[in-house]
Amino acid sequence: METQYRTQAPTRDQIDALPGAVLLEFGANWCGHCMAAQPALAEAFAGHGALTHIKVEDGPGRPLGRSFRVKLWPTLIFLRDGQEVARLVRPLAAAPIADALARIAAPPP
């Protein structure tokens, strides 16, 4: 699990091309809502160490966040093979995060 938001974001094409399960998290290191969500995220992430987690610093003019229509932080986007499967905005409980992680970690039917 990543702990800091990256200032250099991948491109949308790079994200869309990622294989397997990916958790894409938008926010900012100074954001109170983002900090408040981290304990629930860490709890839910336990046991999913092989999953790719990308924390992206978002803000005005940041093209990756705009391409996903991010409006509030943190926004968690759960991807499988580059396709959005689930999205959570400002989660504070581990259960919804764990449920979404299970959806992308399981092999597709």
N, C-alpha and C. Protein backbone atom coordinates (compact mmCIF):
# COMPACT_ATOMS: atom_id res chain seq x y z
N MET A 1 0.84 -1.18 0.00
CA MET A 1 0.00 0.00 0.00
C MET A 1 0.89 1.24 0.00
N GLU A 2 0.63 2.15 -0.93
CA GLU A 2 1.39 3.39 -0.98
C GLU A 2 0.94 4.29 0.17
N THR A 3 1.86 5.13 0.65
CA THR A 3 1.54 6.02 1.77
C THR A 3 1.50 7.49 1.38
N GLN A 4 2.11 7.87 0.28
CA GLN A 4 2.13 9.27 -0.15
C GLN A 4 1.53 9.40 -1.55
N TYR A 5 0.84 10.50 -1.78
CA TYR A 5 0.29 10.77 -3.11
C TYR A 5 1.41 11.20 -4.04
N ARG A 6 1.47 10.60 -5.21
CA ARG A 6 2.48 10.93 -6.21
C ARG A 6 2.15 12.26 -6.88
N THR A 7 3.17 13.10 -7.04
CA THR A 7 2.94 14.35 -7.76
C THR A 7 3.00 14.12 -9.26
N GLN A 8 3.75 13.12 -9.70
CA GLN A 8 3.83 12.79 -11.12
C GLN A 8 2.86 11.64 -11.40
N ALA A 9 1.78 11.96 -12.06
CA ALA A 9 0.73 10.96 -12.32
C ALA A 9 1.00 10.24 -13.63
N PRO A 10 0.63 8.97 -13.68
CA PRO A 10 0.66 8.27 -14.96
C PRO A 10 -0.39 8.88 -15.89
N THR A 11 -0.31 8.55 -17.15
CA THR A 11 -1.32 9.03 -18.10
C THR A 11 -2.54 8.13 -18.04
N ARG A 12 -3.63 8.59 -18.58
CA ARG A 12 -4.84 7.76 -18.63
C ARG A 12 -4.58 6.51 -19.46
N ASP A 13 -3.83 6.63 -20.55
CA ASP A 13 -3.51 5.47 -21.38
C ASP A 13 -2.72 4.43 -20.58
N GLN A 14 -1.79 4.89 -19.74
CA GLN A 14 -1.02 3.96 -18.91
C GLN A 14 -1.92 3.25 -17.91
N ILE A 15 -2.83 3.98 -17.30
CA ILE A 15 -3.76 3.39 -16.33
C ILE A 15 -4.67 2.38 -17.04
N ASP A 16 -5.22 2.75 -18.18
CA ASP A 16 -6.13 1.87 -18.91
C ASP A 16 -5.45 0.58 -19.36
N ALA A 17 -4.13 0.61 -19.52
CA ALA A 17 -3.38 -0.56 -19.98
C ALA A 17 -2.91 -1.46 -18.84
N LEU A 18 -3.11 -1.06 -17.60
CA LEU A 18 -2.63 -1.87 -16.47
C LEU A 18 -3.41 -3.18 -16.37
N PRO A 19 -2.69 -4.30 -16.27
CA PRO A 19 -3.38 -5.59 -16.14
C PRO A 19 -3.75 -5.87 -14.69
N GLY A 20 -4.80 -6.67 -14.51
CA GLY A 20 -5.16 -7.14 -13.19
C GLY A 20 -5.85 -6.09 -12.35
N ALA A 21 -5.75 -6.30 -11.02
CA ALA A 21 -6.44 -5.47 -10.04
C ALA A 21 -5.60 -4.25 -9.67
N VAL A 22 -6.21 -3.08 -9.73
CA VAL A 22 -5.53 -1.83 -9.42
C VAL A 22 -6.46 -0.95 -8.60
N LEU A 23 -5.93 -0.40 -7.51
CA LEU A 23 -6.65 0.61 -6.75
C LEU A 23 -6.00 1.95 -7.06
N LEU A 24 -6.77 2.84 -7.64
CA LEU A 24 -6.30 4.18 -8.00
C LEU A 24 -6.94 5.14 -6.99
N GLU A 25 -6.11 5.83 -6.23
CA GLU A 25 -6.59 6.72 -5.17
C GLU A 25 -6.19 8.15 -5.49
N PHE A 26 -7.18 9.03 -5.54
CA PHE A 26 -6.95 10.46 -5.79
C PHE A 26 -7.11 11.23 -4.49
N GLY A 27 -6.20 12.17 -4.25
CA GLY A 27 -6.28 13.01 -3.06
C GLY A 27 -5.08 13.92 -2.99
N ALA A 28 -4.75 14.34 -1.78
CA ALA A 28 -3.59 15.20 -1.54
C ALA A 28 -3.04 14.89 -0.15
N ASN A 29 -1.74 14.99 0.01
CA ASN A 29 -1.10 14.66 1.28
C ASN A 29 -1.56 15.54 2.43
N TRP A 30 -2.01 16.76 2.14
CA TRP A 30 -2.43 17.70 3.17
C TRP A 30 -3.94 17.65 3.44
N CYS A 31 -4.68 16.84 2.69
CA CYS A 31 -6.15 16.81 2.76
C CYS A 31 -6.62 16.07 4.02
N GLY A 32 -7.41 16.74 4.84
CA GLY A 32 -7.93 16.14 6.07
C GLY A 32 -8.81 14.93 5.82
N HIS A 33 -9.65 14.98 4.79
CA HIS A 33 -10.50 13.84 4.46
C HIS A 33 -9.64 12.64 4.03
N CYS A 34 -8.57 12.93 3.30
CA CYS A 34 -7.67 11.86 2.83
C CYS A 34 -6.97 11.21 4.02
N MET A 35 -6.50 12.03 4.96
CA MET A 35 -5.83 11.50 6.15
C MET A 35 -6.80 10.68 6.99
N ALA A 36 -8.05 11.14 7.09
CA ALA A 36 -9.05 10.43 7.89
C ALA A 36 -9.39 9.06 7.29
N ALA A 37 -9.28 8.91 5.99
CA ALA A 37 -9.61 7.65 5.32
C ALA A 37 -8.49 6.61 5.41
N GLN A 38 -7.27 7.03 5.75
CA GLN A 38 -6.14 6.11 5.69
C GLN A 38 -6.23 4.92 6.64
N PRO A 39 -6.70 5.06 7.90
CA PRO A 39 -6.80 3.87 8.75
C PRO A 39 -7.76 2.81 8.18
N ALA A 40 -8.90 3.23 7.65
CA ALA A 40 -9.85 2.28 7.05
C ALA A 40 -9.25 1.64 5.81
N LEU A 41 -8.53 2.42 5.04
CA LEU A 41 -7.89 1.89 3.84
C LEU A 41 -6.83 0.87 4.21
N ALA A 42 -6.01 1.17 5.21
CA ALA A 42 -4.97 0.23 5.65
C ALA A 42 -5.58 -1.06 6.18
N GLU A 43 -6.66 -0.94 6.93
CA GLU A 43 -7.33 -2.14 7.47
C GLU A 43 -7.87 -3.00 6.33
N ALA A 44 -8.53 -2.38 5.37
CA ALA A 44 -9.12 -3.12 4.25
C ALA A 44 -8.04 -3.70 3.34
N PHE A 45 -6.92 -3.02 3.22
CA PHE A 45 -5.85 -3.43 2.30
C PHE A 45 -5.08 -4.64 2.82
N ALA A 46 -5.17 -4.94 4.11
CA ALA A 46 -4.46 -6.09 4.69
C ALA A 46 -4.86 -7.35 3.93
N GLY A 47 -3.86 -8.11 3.50
CA GLY A 47 -4.12 -9.32 2.74
C GLY A 47 -4.21 -9.11 1.25
N HIS A 48 -4.09 -7.86 0.81
CA HIS A 48 -4.13 -7.56 -0.62
C HIS A 48 -2.80 -6.96 -1.08
N GLY A 49 -1.70 -7.41 -0.50
CA GLY A 49 -0.40 -6.83 -0.79
C GLY A 49 0.04 -6.93 -2.25
N ALA A 50 -0.48 -7.91 -2.97
CA ALA A 50 -0.09 -8.07 -4.37
C ALA A 50 -0.84 -7.11 -5.30
N LEU A 51 -1.87 -6.50 -4.79
CA LEU A 51 -2.68 -5.58 -5.59
C LEU A 51 -1.89 -4.29 -5.84
N THR A 52 -1.99 -3.73 -7.03
CA THR A 52 -1.32 -2.47 -7.34
C THR A 52 -2.14 -1.32 -6.77
N HIS A 53 -1.47 -0.46 -5.99
CA HIS A 53 -2.11 0.70 -5.38
C HIS A 53 -1.36 1.93 -5.87
N ILE A 54 -2.07 2.84 -6.50
CA ILE A 54 -1.46 4.06 -7.02
C ILE A 54 -2.18 5.24 -6.39
N LYS A 55 -1.43 6.03 -5.62
CA LYS A 55 -1.97 7.24 -5.00
C LYS A 55 -1.52 8.43 -5.84
N VAL A 56 -2.48 9.17 -6.35
CA VAL A 56 -2.19 10.29 -7.25
C VAL A 56 -2.64 11.60 -6.63
N GLU A 57 -1.71 12.55 -6.53
CA GLU A 57 -2.08 13.89 -6.07
C GLU A 57 -2.96 14.52 -7.13
N ASP A 58 -4.11 15.02 -6.69
CA ASP A 58 -5.08 15.59 -7.61
C ASP A 58 -5.22 17.08 -7.33
N GLY A 59 -5.80 17.79 -8.26
CA GLY A 59 -6.04 19.21 -8.11
C GLY A 59 -6.45 19.81 -9.43
N PRO A 60 -6.73 21.11 -9.44
CA PRO A 60 -7.13 21.78 -10.68
C PRO A 60 -6.09 21.58 -11.78
N GLY A 61 -6.57 21.27 -12.96
CA GLY A 61 -5.68 21.12 -14.10
C GLY A 61 -4.94 19.80 -14.17
N ARG A 62 -5.22 18.89 -13.25
CA ARG A 62 -4.57 17.58 -13.28
C ARG A 62 -5.40 16.67 -14.21
N PRO A 63 -4.83 16.29 -15.36
CA PRO A 63 -5.63 15.60 -16.37
C PRO A 63 -6.14 14.22 -15.96
N LEU A 64 -5.39 13.46 -15.17
CA LEU A 64 -5.84 12.12 -14.82
C LEU A 64 -7.11 12.18 -13.96
N GLY A 65 -7.10 13.03 -12.96
CA GLY A 65 -8.29 13.18 -12.12
C GLY A 65 -9.49 13.67 -12.91
N ARG A 66 -9.26 14.59 -13.84
CA ARG A 66 -10.38 15.09 -14.64
C ARG A 66 -10.91 13.99 -15.55
N SER A 67 -10.04 13.12 -16.06
CA SER A 67 -10.50 12.06 -16.96
C SER A 67 -11.38 11.05 -16.23
N PHE A 68 -11.21 10.94 -14.89
CA PHE A 68 -12.05 10.07 -14.07
C PHE A 68 -13.18 10.85 -13.39
N ARG A 69 -13.30 12.12 -13.69
CA ARG A 69 -14.34 13.00 -13.13
C ARG A 69 -14.31 13.05 -11.60
N VAL A 70 -13.11 13.14 -11.05
CA VAL A 70 -12.93 13.23 -9.61
C VAL A 70 -13.32 14.63 -9.16
N LYS A 71 -14.16 14.70 -8.14
CA LYS A 71 -14.61 15.99 -7.62
C LYS A 71 -14.28 16.17 -6.14
N LEU A 72 -14.26 15.06 -5.38
CA LEU A 72 -13.96 15.12 -3.95
C LEU A 72 -12.82 14.17 -3.63
N TRP A 73 -12.10 14.47 -2.55
CA TRP A 73 -11.00 13.62 -2.12
C TRP A 73 -11.30 12.99 -0.78
N PRO A 74 -10.80 11.85 -0.50
CA PRO A 74 -10.20 10.95 -1.48
C PRO A 74 -11.28 10.25 -2.30
N THR A 75 -10.94 9.98 -3.54
CA THR A 75 -11.77 9.14 -4.40
C THR A 75 -10.96 7.90 -4.71
N LEU A 76 -11.55 6.74 -4.43
CA LEU A 76 -10.91 5.46 -4.70
C LEU A 76 -11.60 4.84 -5.91
N ILE A 77 -10.79 4.51 -6.92
CA ILE A 77 -11.33 3.88 -8.12
C ILE A 77 -10.70 2.50 -8.22
N PHE A 78 -11.56 1.49 -8.27
CA PHE A 78 -11.14 0.10 -8.29
C PHE A 78 -11.23 -0.40 -9.73
N LEU A 79 -10.08 -0.80 -10.26
CA LEU A 79 -9.99 -1.19 -11.67
C LEU A 79 -9.60 -2.66 -11.80
N ARG A 80 -10.12 -3.31 -12.81
CA ARG A 80 -9.67 -4.64 -13.20
C ARG A 80 -9.39 -4.57 -14.70
N ASP A 81 -8.12 -4.83 -15.05
CA ASP A 81 -7.69 -4.77 -16.46
C ASP A 81 -8.07 -3.45 -17.12
N GLY A 82 -7.87 -2.36 -16.38
CA GLY A 82 -8.08 -1.02 -16.91
C GLY A 82 -9.52 -0.54 -16.93
N GLN A 83 -10.45 -1.35 -16.47
CA GLN A 83 -11.87 -0.99 -16.46
C GLN A 83 -12.34 -0.71 -15.04
N GLU A 84 -13.07 0.38 -14.85
CA GLU A 84 -13.59 0.70 -13.53
C GLU A 84 -14.66 -0.30 -13.12
N VAL A 85 -14.48 -0.87 -11.92
CA VAL A 85 -15.42 -1.84 -11.37
C VAL A 85 -16.22 -1.22 -10.23
N ALA A 86 -15.56 -0.36 -9.45
CA ALA A 86 -16.23 0.27 -8.31
C ALA A 86 -15.54 1.61 -8.02
N ARG A 87 -16.27 2.44 -7.25
CA ARG A 87 -15.74 3.75 -6.87
C ARG A 87 -16.28 4.09 -5.49
N LEU A 88 -15.41 4.62 -4.64
CA LEU A 88 -15.83 5.11 -3.33
C LEU A 88 -15.30 6.52 -3.15
N VAL A 89 -16.12 7.39 -2.59
CA VAL A 89 -15.72 8.77 -2.35
C VAL A 89 -15.79 9.02 -0.84
N ARG A 90 -14.69 9.48 -0.29
CA ARG A 90 -14.56 9.79 1.14
C ARG A 90 -14.99 8.65 2.06
N PRO A 91 -14.44 7.46 1.82
CA PRO A 91 -14.80 6.34 2.69
C PRO A 91 -14.17 6.49 4.07
N LEU A 92 -14.91 6.11 5.10
CA LEU A 92 -14.38 6.17 6.46
C LEU A 92 -14.40 4.81 7.15
N ALA A 93 -15.05 3.83 6.52
CA ALA A 93 -15.13 2.49 7.09
C ALA A 93 -14.40 1.50 6.20
N ALA A 94 -13.81 0.49 6.81
CA ALA A 94 -13.03 -0.50 6.06
C ALA A 94 -13.91 -1.44 5.24
N ALA A 95 -15.12 -1.74 5.70
CA ALA A 95 -15.96 -2.74 5.04
C ALA A 95 -16.26 -2.42 3.57
N PRO A 96 -16.69 -1.21 3.22
CA PRO A 96 -16.95 -0.94 1.80
C PRO A 96 -15.69 -1.01 0.95
N ILE A 97 -14.56 -0.61 1.52
CA ILE A 97 -13.29 -0.69 0.80
C ILE A 97 -12.93 -2.15 0.58
N ALA A 98 -13.05 -2.97 1.63
CA ALA A 98 -12.74 -4.40 1.52
C ALA A 98 -13.64 -5.08 0.50
N ASP A 99 -14.92 -4.71 0.47
CA ASP A 99 -15.85 -5.29 -0.51
C ASP A 99 -15.42 -4.96 -1.94
N ALA A 100 -15.05 -3.71 -2.17
CA ALA A 100 -14.61 -3.30 -3.52
C ALA A 100 -13.29 -3.97 -3.88
N LEU A 101 -12.38 -4.10 -2.92
CA LEU A 101 -11.11 -4.79 -3.18
C LEU A 101 -11.37 -6.25 -3.55
N ALA A 102 -12.29 -6.88 -2.87
CA ALA A 102 -12.62 -8.28 -3.17
C ALA A 102 -13.18 -8.42 -4.58
N ARG A 103 -13.93 -7.43 -5.01
CA ARG A 103 -14.50 -7.47 -6.37
C ARG A 103 -13.44 -7.43 -7.45
N ILE A 104 -12.37 -6.66 -7.22
CA ILE A 104 -11.33 -6.59 -8.26
C ILE A 104 -10.26 -7.66 -8.09
N ALA A 105 -10.09 -8.18 -6.86
CA ALA A 105 -9.06 -9.17 -6.61
C ALA A 105 -9.48 -10.55 -7.10
N ALA A 106 -10.78 -10.80 -7.13
CA ALA A 106 -11.28 -12.09 -7.58
C ALA A 106 -11.14 -12.19 -9.11
N PRO A 107 -10.83 -13.37 -9.60
CA PRO A 107 -10.75 -13.51 -11.05
C PRO A 107 -12.12 -13.26 -11.68
N PRO A 108 -12.14 -12.65 -12.87
CA PRO A 108 -13.43 -12.36 -13.51
C PRO A 108 -14.17 -13.66 -13.85
N PRO A 109 -15.51 -13.60 -13.82
CA PRO A 109 -16.29 -14.82 -14.10
C PRO A 109 -16.15 -15.27 -15.54
